[in-house]
Amino acid sequence: MKTNINYWNHESAIIDDGATLGEGTKVWHFSHVCSGATIGERCSLGQNVFVGRNVKIGKKCKIQNNVSLFDGVICDNEVFIGPSVVFTNVINPRSFIERKDEFKLTKVEQGASIGANATIICGNKIGRFSFIGAGSVVNRDIKDFELVVGNPIRNIGWISKEGVKLNFEKTNRISLEGVTYILKNNKVKIEE
């Protein structure tokens, strides 16, 4: 028995018994949501998305085509994951050694965006409203509002909640769309 039937899924999608999907969530062609997974309200899972056991996805997340979220991945609300993003869950996999008790937590915090074909090495935290460029390889934690690209990633600046690049070259305080961002000690925070 499904935990919630107020979601929509394409007839080719597989939703295992014991999965929890929030109201208004859509699961598209050839996707698979495993038992024990929790998906919030108004999410969209594109074609060929896999959601493993114990994966947690918040409200209003968009998971694009060909993404696999394995055990150990947690996404807060309003996360965007681009097409063909790869998440790992074990640091040193070997086909002949079972390491299911060594899965590392990967946390994607509120409002973060991950560009197409990025690879996320397990055990890292992706900060709130950060932005990872397409094709990047994430091998460290990413700070809130950080803008990163490359393999391995490098900081190329900072980004607002709305996805506008912040230019801190002449000041450490920027007001944009009613929000004031402050750069201090190589971290961006919103002025309260």
Protein backbone atom coordinates (compact mmCIF):
# COMPACT_ATOMS: atom_id res chain seq x y z
CA MET A 1 0.00 0.00 0.00
CA LYS A 2 1.33 3.47 -0.94
CA THR A 3 1.71 5.90 1.96
CA ASN A 4 0.21 8.81 0.01
CA ILE A 5 -1.81 8.67 -3.21
CA ASN A 6 -2.10 12.43 -3.83
CA TYR A 7 0.86 12.41 -6.23
CA TRP A 8 1.00 11.59 -9.94
CA ASN A 9 3.23 9.06 -11.63
CA HIS A 10 3.62 7.97 -15.23
CA GLU A 11 2.47 4.39 -15.81
CA SER A 12 6.07 3.29 -16.51
CA ALA A 13 7.33 4.62 -13.14
CA ILE A 14 7.75 2.22 -10.22
CA ILE A 15 6.75 3.44 -6.76
CA ASP A 16 7.53 0.74 -4.20
CA ASP A 17 5.22 0.09 -1.28
CA GLY A 18 6.49 2.00 1.74
CA ALA A 19 7.66 5.05 -0.24
CA THR A 20 6.21 8.38 0.90
CA LEU A 21 5.44 11.00 -1.75
CA GLY A 22 4.00 14.41 -0.95
CA GLU A 23 0.90 15.94 -2.44
CA GLY A 24 1.32 17.31 -5.95
CA THR A 25 4.59 15.48 -6.62
CA LYS A 26 5.09 14.14 -10.16
CA VAL A 27 7.20 11.12 -11.10
CA TRP A 28 7.90 10.78 -14.82
CA HIS A 29 8.76 7.95 -17.25
CA PHE A 30 10.89 4.98 -16.15
CA SER A 31 11.67 6.37 -12.69
CA HIS A 32 11.92 4.21 -9.57
CA VAL A 33 11.24 5.30 -5.98
CA CYS A 34 12.28 2.65 -3.44
CA SER A 35 10.53 1.68 -0.25
CA GLY A 36 11.60 3.92 2.64
CA ALA A 37 12.25 6.97 0.44
CA THR A 38 10.54 10.21 1.46
CA ILE A 39 9.71 12.89 -1.10
CA GLY A 40 8.04 16.18 -0.14
CA GLU A 41 5.16 18.08 -1.68
CA ARG A 42 5.20 19.51 -5.22
CA CYS A 43 8.44 17.85 -6.36
CA SER A 44 9.19 16.85 -9.92
CA LEU A 45 11.25 13.75 -10.73
CA GLY A 46 12.18 13.64 -14.41
CA GLN A 47 12.58 10.64 -16.66
CA ASN A 48 14.77 7.76 -15.46
CA VAL A 49 15.30 9.04 -11.89
CA PHE A 50 16.22 6.54 -9.17
CA VAL A 51 15.52 7.31 -5.49
CA GLY A 52 17.05 4.82 -3.06
CA ARG A 53 15.86 3.59 0.29
CA ASN A 54 16.09 6.13 3.11
CA VAL A 55 16.72 9.04 0.70
CA LYS A 56 14.96 12.19 1.84
CA ILE A 57 13.86 14.92 -0.58
CA GLY A 58 12.21 18.12 0.71
CA LYS A 59 9.38 20.18 -0.76
CA LYS A 60 9.41 21.79 -4.24
CA CYS A 61 12.57 20.02 -5.45
CA LYS A 62 13.27 19.44 -9.14
CA ILE A 63 15.28 16.34 -10.01
CA GLN A 64 15.97 16.29 -13.75
CA ASN A 65 16.38 13.27 -16.08
CA ASN A 66 18.88 10.46 -15.44
CA VAL A 67 19.74 11.22 -11.81
CA SER A 68 20.28 8.50 -9.18
CA LEU A 69 19.92 9.47 -5.53
CA PHE A 70 21.46 6.63 -3.55
CA ASP A 71 21.18 5.90 0.18
CA GLY A 72 22.92 8.65 2.12
CA VAL A 73 21.57 11.58 0.06
CA ILE A 74 19.37 14.17 1.77
CA CYS A 75 17.94 17.17 -0.11
CA ASP A 76 16.32 20.06 1.73
CA ASN A 77 13.49 22.13 0.22
CA GLU A 78 13.67 23.80 -3.20
CA VAL A 79 16.78 21.98 -4.44
CA PHE A 80 17.46 21.79 -8.19
CA ILE A 81 19.45 18.82 -9.53
CA GLY A 82 20.28 19.06 -13.24
CA PRO A 83 20.23 16.25 -15.80
CA SER A 84 22.64 13.35 -15.35
CA VAL A 85 24.11 14.55 -12.04
CA VAL A 86 25.98 11.69 -10.34
CA PHE A 87 25.94 11.13 -6.57
CA THR A 88 28.32 8.60 -5.02
CA ASN A 89 27.80 7.00 -1.61
CA VAL A 90 31.04 5.08 -0.92
CA ILE A 91 34.55 6.58 -1.02
CA ASN A 92 36.43 3.44 -2.08
CA PRO A 93 34.07 1.04 -3.90
CA ARG A 94 35.17 -2.43 -4.97
CA SER A 95 32.87 -4.90 -6.69
CA PHE A 96 34.11 -7.78 -4.53
CA ILE A 97 33.70 -5.96 -1.15
CA GLU A 98 30.28 -5.06 0.22
CA ARG A 99 30.45 -1.62 1.84
CA LYS A 100 26.78 -0.87 2.52
CA ASP A 101 27.66 -0.05 6.13
CA GLU A 102 30.12 2.61 4.91
CA PHE A 103 27.69 4.88 3.04
CA LYS A 104 28.59 8.55 3.58
CA LEU A 105 25.99 11.28 4.06
CA THR A 106 25.65 13.91 1.34
CA LYS A 107 23.47 16.85 2.35
CA VAL A 108 22.13 19.28 -0.23
CA GLU A 109 20.78 22.27 1.66
CA GLN A 110 17.84 24.54 0.84
CA GLY A 111 17.76 26.23 -2.54
CA ALA A 112 21.04 24.77 -3.84
CA SER A 113 21.37 24.19 -7.61
CA ILE A 114 23.55 21.53 -9.21
CA GLY A 115 24.31 21.85 -12.93
CA ALA A 116 24.03 19.07 -15.50
CA ASN A 117 26.60 16.24 -15.41
CA ALA A 118 28.16 17.33 -12.11
CA THR A 119 29.62 14.59 -9.90
CA ILE A 120 29.08 14.82 -6.15
CA ILE A 121 31.61 12.85 -4.11
CA CYS A 122 29.87 11.49 -1.01
CA GLY A 123 30.39 12.90 2.47
CA ASN A 124 30.17 16.56 1.44
CA LYS A 125 27.66 19.26 2.33
CA ILE A 126 26.31 21.56 -0.35
CA GLY A 127 25.36 24.86 1.29
CA ARG A 128 22.14 26.86 1.07
CA PHE A 129 21.49 28.61 -2.24
CA SER A 130 24.90 27.58 -3.59
CA PHE A 131 25.37 26.94 -7.29
CA ILE A 132 27.49 24.19 -8.87
CA GLY A 133 28.36 24.67 -12.55
CA ALA A 134 27.66 21.97 -15.13
CA GLY A 135 30.28 19.21 -15.29
CA SER A 136 31.89 20.11 -11.96
CA VAL A 137 33.35 17.55 -9.56
CA VAL A 138 32.48 18.32 -5.94
CA ASN A 139 35.21 17.00 -3.63
CA ARG A 140 34.67 19.30 -0.62
CA ASP A 141 31.93 21.10 1.30
CA ILE A 142 30.37 24.08 -0.48
CA LYS A 143 29.51 27.19 1.51
CA ASP A 144 26.14 28.95 1.52
CA PHE A 145 25.75 31.15 -1.61
CA GLU A 146 29.05 29.86 -3.07
CA LEU A 147 29.44 29.67 -6.86
CA VAL A 148 31.78 26.85 -7.94
CA VAL A 149 32.92 25.27 -11.21
CA GLY A 150 35.55 22.84 -12.48
CA ASN A 151 37.29 19.57 -11.72
CA PRO A 152 38.01 19.74 -8.87
CA ILE A 153 35.72 22.62 -7.98
CA ARG A 154 37.04 26.11 -7.38
CA ASN A 155 35.24 29.20 -6.11
CA ILE A 156 34.47 31.76 -8.84
CA GLY A 157 32.29 33.99 -6.68
CA TRP A 158 29.03 34.19 -4.83
CA ILE A 159 25.38 34.03 -5.88
CA SER A 160 22.10 35.39 -4.51
CA LYS A 161 19.00 33.43 -3.53
CA GLU A 162 17.54 34.36 -6.93
CA GLY A 163 20.62 33.10 -8.83
CA VAL A 164 22.24 36.48 -9.57
CA LYS A 165 26.05 36.68 -9.29
CA LEU A 166 27.11 38.95 -6.40
CA ASN A 167 30.00 41.34 -7.11
CA PHE A 168 31.91 41.94 -3.87
CA GLU A 169 34.96 43.53 -5.58
CA LYS A 170 34.36 47.05 -4.16
CA THR A 171 32.23 46.32 -1.12
CA ASN A 172 31.43 43.56 1.35
CA ARG A 173 27.70 44.45 1.45
CA ILE A 174 25.25 44.13 -1.47
CA SER A 175 21.50 44.81 -1.41
CA LEU A 176 19.56 43.02 -4.11
CA GLU A 177 15.81 42.44 -4.46
CA GLY A 178 15.14 43.43 -0.84
CA VAL A 179 17.88 41.22 0.63
CA THR A 180 21.27 42.40 1.94
CA TYR A 181 24.20 39.99 1.49
CA ILE A 182 27.37 40.43 3.56
CA LEU A 183 30.77 38.87 2.74
CA LYS A 184 32.84 38.32 5.87
CA ASN A 185 35.65 35.83 6.53
CA ASN A 186 35.13 34.26 3.08
CA LYS A 187 31.47 33.46 3.83
CA VAL A 188 28.27 35.13 2.65
CA LYS A 189 25.39 35.67 5.03
CA ILE A 190 22.08 37.48 4.79
CA GLU A 191 21.73 40.49 7.05
CA GLU A 192 18.99 39.81 9.57
